C-alpha atoms as a PDB file:
ATOM      1  CA  MET A   1     127.498  14.177  -5.457  1.00  0.00           C
ATOM      2  CA  LYS A   2     130.351  14.874  -5.857  1.00  0.00           C
ATOM      3  CA  THR A   3     132.371  17.979  -6.632  1.00  0.00           C
ATOM      4  CA  ILE A   4     134.940  17.173  -9.978  1.00  0.00           C
ATOM      5  CA  LYS A   5     138.076  19.732  -9.035  1.00  0.00           C
ATOM      6  CA  LYS A   6     139.672  21.342 -12.326  1.00  0.00           C
ATOM      7  CA  VAL A   7     142.475  24.170 -12.176  1.00  0.00           C
ATOM      8  CA  GLN A   8     142.223  26.268 -14.971  1.00  0.00           C
ATOM      9  CA  ALA A   9     145.294  27.853 -17.090  1.00  0.00           C
ATOM     10  CA  ILE A  10     144.977  31.817 -18.578  1.00  0.00           C
ATOM     11  CA  ILE A  11     148.073  31.362 -21.205  1.00  0.00           C
ATOM     12  CA  TYR A  12     149.476  33.396 -22.451  1.00  0.00           C
ATOM     13  CA  ASP A  13     152.791  35.110 -24.700  1.00  0.00           C
ATOM     14  CA  LEU A  14     153.434  38.844 -25.569  1.00  0.00           C
ATOM     15  CA  LYS A  15     154.289  40.171 -28.630  1.00  0.00           C
ATOM     16  CA  GLY A  16     155.866  43.698 -28.444  1.00  0.00           C
ATOM     17  CA  LYS A  17     154.109  44.670 -25.197  1.00  0.00           C
ATOM     18  CA  LYS A  18     150.216  43.743 -26.472  1.00  0.00           C
ATOM     19  CA  PRO A  19     149.473  39.985 -25.153  1.00  0.00           C
ATOM     20  CA  TYR A  20     148.100  37.558 -26.779  1.00  0.00           C
ATOM     21  CA  PHE A  21     145.930  34.760 -24.836  1.00  0.00           C
ATOM     22  CA  LEU A  22     145.879  30.873 -26.211  1.00  0.00           C
ATOM     23  CA  ILE A  23     141.912  29.713 -26.367  1.00  0.00           C
ATOM     24  CA  LEU A  24     140.898  26.489 -27.626  1.00  0.00           C
ATOM     25  CA  HIS A  25     138.263  25.589 -29.611  1.00  0.00           C
ATOM     26  CA  ARG A  26     135.687  22.718 -27.562  1.00  0.00           C
ATOM     27  CA  VAL A  27     133.571  19.705 -29.326  1.00  0.00           C
ATOM     28  CA  LEU A  28     134.200  17.449 -26.672  1.00  0.00           C
ATOM     29  CA  ARG A  29     130.096  18.098 -24.520  1.00  0.00           C
ATOM     30  CA  TRP A  30     129.356  21.490 -25.843  1.00  0.00           C
ATOM     31  CA  LYS A  31     130.796  23.697 -28.590  1.00  0.00           C
ATOM     32  CA  GLY A  32     133.052  27.025 -27.444  1.00  0.00           C
ATOM     33  CA  TRP A  33     135.701  28.781 -27.165  1.00  0.00           C
ATOM     34  CA  GLU A  34     137.727  28.041 -23.111  1.00  0.00           C
ATOM     35  CA  PRO A  35     140.939  28.242 -21.700  1.00  0.00           C
ATOM     36  CA  LEU A  36     142.755  25.275 -20.539  1.00  0.00           C
ATOM     37  CA  LYS A  37     141.508  23.432 -17.786  1.00  0.00           C
ATOM     38  CA  GLY A  38     141.673  20.455 -16.079  1.00  0.00           C
ATOM     39  CA  THR A  39     141.037  17.260 -14.025  1.00  0.00           C
ATOM     40  CA  THR A  40     142.830  17.509 -10.912  1.00  0.00           C
ATOM     41  CA  ARG A  41     144.034  13.224 -10.057  1.00  0.00           C
ATOM     42  CA  LYS A  42     144.257  11.855  -6.719  1.00  0.00           C
ATOM     43  CA  GLY A  43     147.295  12.902  -4.987  1.00  0.00           C
ATOM     44  CA  GLU A  44     148.181  15.507  -7.237  1.00  0.00           C
ATOM     45  CA  THR A  45     149.149  19.242  -6.690  1.00  0.00           C
ATOM     46  CA  ARG A  46     147.038  22.168  -8.505  1.00  0.00           C
ATOM     47  CA  ARG A  47     150.140  23.026 -10.092  1.00  0.00           C
ATOM     48  CA  GLN A  48     151.245  19.387 -10.739  1.00  0.00           C
ATOM     49  CA  THR A  49     148.062  19.093 -12.112  1.00  0.00           C
ATOM     50  CA  LEU A  50     148.263  22.089 -14.413  1.00  0.00           C
ATOM     51  CA  LYS A  51     152.357  21.241 -15.640  1.00  0.00           C
ATOM     52  CA  ARG A  52     150.319  17.923 -17.319  1.00  0.00           C
ATOM     53  CA  GLU A  53     147.149  19.684 -18.806  1.00  0.00           C
ATOM     54  CA  ILE A  54     149.095  21.775 -20.330  1.00  0.00           C
ATOM     55  CA  GLY A  55     151.514  18.792 -21.773  1.00  0.00           C
ATOM     56  CA  GLU A  56     148.396  16.945 -22.725  1.00  0.00           C
ATOM     57  CA  GLU A  57     146.219  19.000 -23.574  1.00  0.00           C
ATOM     58  CA  THR A  58     148.715  21.448 -25.979  1.00  0.00           C
ATOM     59  CA  ARG A  59     152.072  19.678 -26.237  1.00  0.00           C
ATOM     60  CA  LEU A  60     153.627  23.135 -25.261  1.00  0.00           C
ATOM     61  CA  LYS A  61     156.977  22.254 -23.231  1.00  0.00           C
ATOM     62  CA  ASN A  62     158.582  26.169 -23.005  1.00  0.00           C
ATOM     63  CA  PHE A  63     155.896  27.971 -20.317  1.00  0.00           C
ATOM     64  CA  LYS A  64     156.522  29.738 -17.463  1.00  0.00           C
ATOM     65  CA  ILE A  65     152.892  29.436 -14.255  1.00  0.00           C
ATOM     66  CA  ILE A  66     153.131  32.940 -13.132  1.00  0.00           C
ATOM     67  CA  LYS A  67     150.983  33.314 -10.841  1.00  0.00           C
ATOM     68  CA  SER A  68     147.856  31.827  -9.099  1.00  0.00           C
ATOM     69  CA  LEU A  69     145.078  33.966  -9.769  1.00  0.00           C
ATOM     70  CA  GLY A  70     143.130  33.059  -7.001  1.00  0.00           C
ATOM     71  CA  LYS A  71     139.953  32.679  -8.908  1.00  0.00           C
ATOM     72  CA  LYS A  72     137.370  29.230  -8.471  1.00  0.00           C
ATOM     73  CA  GLU A  73     134.360  29.495 -10.116  1.00  0.00           C
ATOM     74  CA  LYS A  74     131.680  26.616  -9.433  1.00  0.00           C
ATOM     75  CA  TRP A  75     128.826  24.879 -11.794  1.00  0.00           C
ATOM     76  CA  GLU A  76     126.352  21.990 -12.420  1.00  0.00           C
ATOM     77  CA  ALA A  77     126.220  20.483 -16.001  1.00  0.00           C
ATOM     78  CA  LEU A  78     125.209  16.891 -17.361  1.00  0.00           C
ATOM     79  CA  GLY A  79     124.169  15.737 -14.201  1.00  0.00           C
ATOM     80  CA  LYS A  80     127.257  16.665 -12.218  1.00  0.00           C
ATOM     81  CA  LYS A  81     129.015  19.321 -10.190  1.00  0.00           C
ATOM     82  CA  TYR A  82     132.456  21.307 -10.966  1.00  0.00           C
ATOM     83  CA  ALA A  83     134.888  23.885  -9.840  1.00  0.00           C
ATOM     84  CA  ILE A  84     137.883  25.129 -10.796  1.00  0.00           C
ATOM     85  CA  VAL A  85     140.171  25.339  -7.587  1.00  0.00           C
ATOM     86  CA  ASP A  86     142.613  27.406  -9.015  1.00  0.00           C
ATOM     87  CA  ILE A  87     143.288  29.424 -12.000  1.00  0.00           C
ATOM     88  CA  PHE A  88     146.961  30.475 -12.922  1.00  0.00           C
ATOM     89  CA  LEU A  89     148.117  32.666 -15.060  1.00  0.00           C
ATOM     90  CA  VAL A  90     150.481  31.501 -17.455  1.00  0.00           C
ATOM     91  CA  ARG A  91     153.346  32.471 -20.243  1.00  0.00           C
ATOM     92  CA  ALA A  92     154.017  30.130 -22.804  1.00  0.00           C
ATOM     93  CA  ASP A  93     155.667  30.982 -26.360  1.00  0.00           C
ATOM     94  CA  MET A  94     154.079  31.636 -29.025  1.00  0.00           C
ATOM     95  CA  ASN A  95     155.721  30.644 -31.683  1.00  0.00           C
ATOM     96  CA  GLU A  96     155.781  27.059 -30.387  1.00  0.00           C
ATOM     97  CA  LYS A  97     153.770  24.489 -32.014  1.00  0.00           C
ATOM     98  CA  VAL A  98     150.372  23.857 -29.873  1.00  0.00           C
ATOM     99  CA  SER A  99     148.953  19.558 -30.643  1.00  0.00           C
ATOM    100  CA  LEU A 100     145.751  18.943 -29.584  1.00  0.00           C
ATOM    101  CA  LYS A 101     145.973  15.490 -30.466  1.00  0.00           C
ATOM    102  CA  GLN A 102     144.559  13.122 -27.769  1.00  0.00           C
ATOM    103  CA  LYS A 103     142.868  10.306 -27.145  1.00  0.00           C
ATOM    104  CA  VAL A 104     139.871  12.064 -26.461  1.00  0.00           C
ATOM    105  CA  VAL A 105     139.265  14.783 -29.066  1.00  0.00           C
ATOM    106  CA  GLU A 106     137.932  17.443 -27.315  1.00  0.00           C
ATOM    107  CA  HIS A 107     139.864  20.836 -28.693  1.00  0.00           C
ATOM    108  CA  ASP A 108     139.487  20.603 -32.263  1.00  0.00           C
ATOM    109  CA  LYS A 109     141.358  24.118 -33.047  1.00  0.00           C
ATOM    110  CA  TYR A 110     143.199  27.074 -31.184  1.00  0.00           C
ATOM    111  CA  LEU A 111     143.899  30.412 -31.256  1.00  0.00           C
ATOM    112  CA  TRP A 112     146.221  32.779 -30.058  1.00  0.00           C
ATOM    113  CA  ALA A 113     143.886  36.351 -29.651  1.00  0.00           C
ATOM    114  CA  ASP A 114     144.725  39.779 -28.479  1.00  0.00           C
ATOM    115  CA  LYS A 115     142.232  40.538 -25.791  1.00  0.00           C
ATOM    116  CA  LYS A 116     139.962  41.940 -27.480  1.00  0.00           C
ATOM    117  CA  THR A 117     139.163  38.802 -29.662  1.00  0.00           C
ATOM    118  CA  ALA A 118     139.524  35.816 -27.064  1.00  0.00           C
ATOM    119  CA  LEU A 119     136.517  38.577 -24.980  1.00  0.00           C
ATOM    120  CA  LYS A 120     134.173  38.100 -28.107  1.00  0.00           C
ATOM    121  CA  LYS A 121     135.279  34.595 -28.816  1.00  0.00           C
ATOM    122  CA  LEU A 122     135.274  32.781 -25.378  1.00  0.00           C
ATOM    123  CA  THR A 123     131.843  31.282 -24.512  1.00  0.00           C
ATOM    124  CA  TRP A 124     131.335  31.545 -20.536  1.00  0.00           C
ATOM    125  CA  PRO A 125     130.861  35.007 -18.867  1.00  0.00           C
ATOM    126  CA  LYS A 126     133.125  33.980 -15.769  1.00  0.00           C
ATOM    127  CA  THR A 127     135.668  33.170 -18.324  1.00  0.00           C
ATOM    128  CA  LYS A 128     135.419  36.396 -20.210  1.00  0.00           C
ATOM    129  CA  LYS A 129     135.297  38.411 -16.235  1.00  0.00           C
ATOM    130  CA  ILE A 130     138.671  36.738 -15.015  1.00  0.00           C
ATOM    131  CA  LEU A 131     139.725  37.452 -18.535  1.00  0.00           C
ATOM    132  CA  LYS A 132     138.658  41.024 -18.602  1.00  0.00           C
ATOM    133  CA  GLN A 133     139.791  41.301 -15.037  1.00  0.00           C
ATOM    134  CA  ILE A 134     143.649  41.287 -16.162  1.00  0.00           C
ATOM    135  CA  LYS A 135     145.607  44.126 -16.012  1.00  0.00           C
ATOM    136  CA  GLU A 136     147.837  44.652 -19.300  1.00  0.00           C
ATOM    137  CA  LYS A 137     150.678  46.304 -17.476  1.00  0.00           C
ATOM    138  CA  SER A 138     151.153  43.697 -14.757  1.00  0.00           C
ATOM    139  CA  LEU A 139     151.967  40.022 -17.910  1.00  0.00           C
ATOM    140  CA  ASN A 140     155.168  42.080 -18.755  1.00  0.00           C
END
């Protein structure tokens, strides 16, 4: 069985010195909260996938890829294998309008949440663990 490769973005902004994280409420195939993620297309680099997915899923234009976190994740669902092959830390402007309009609706709402709120809302334990490991001082 072929593994579907994905990248994930931990998108954040600072208000004062406090970080807020962009989380999306998923409605396609399952319901819950997650960071942005997307499938790598043939011939794309991980960064190209990340930029395309941020544009497609949020319509954000003002963002900067800060770094790769060097983290990976694997799971199986609906008879398929998935792998997040890289997770990136991305700084965006939380004052820029987010648009979730797509041909296929994956997400129906979004939230810029402080870390405590994001950790409560995120659905998957592995995602929560990654967010917990991000030190606030590294975001400044």
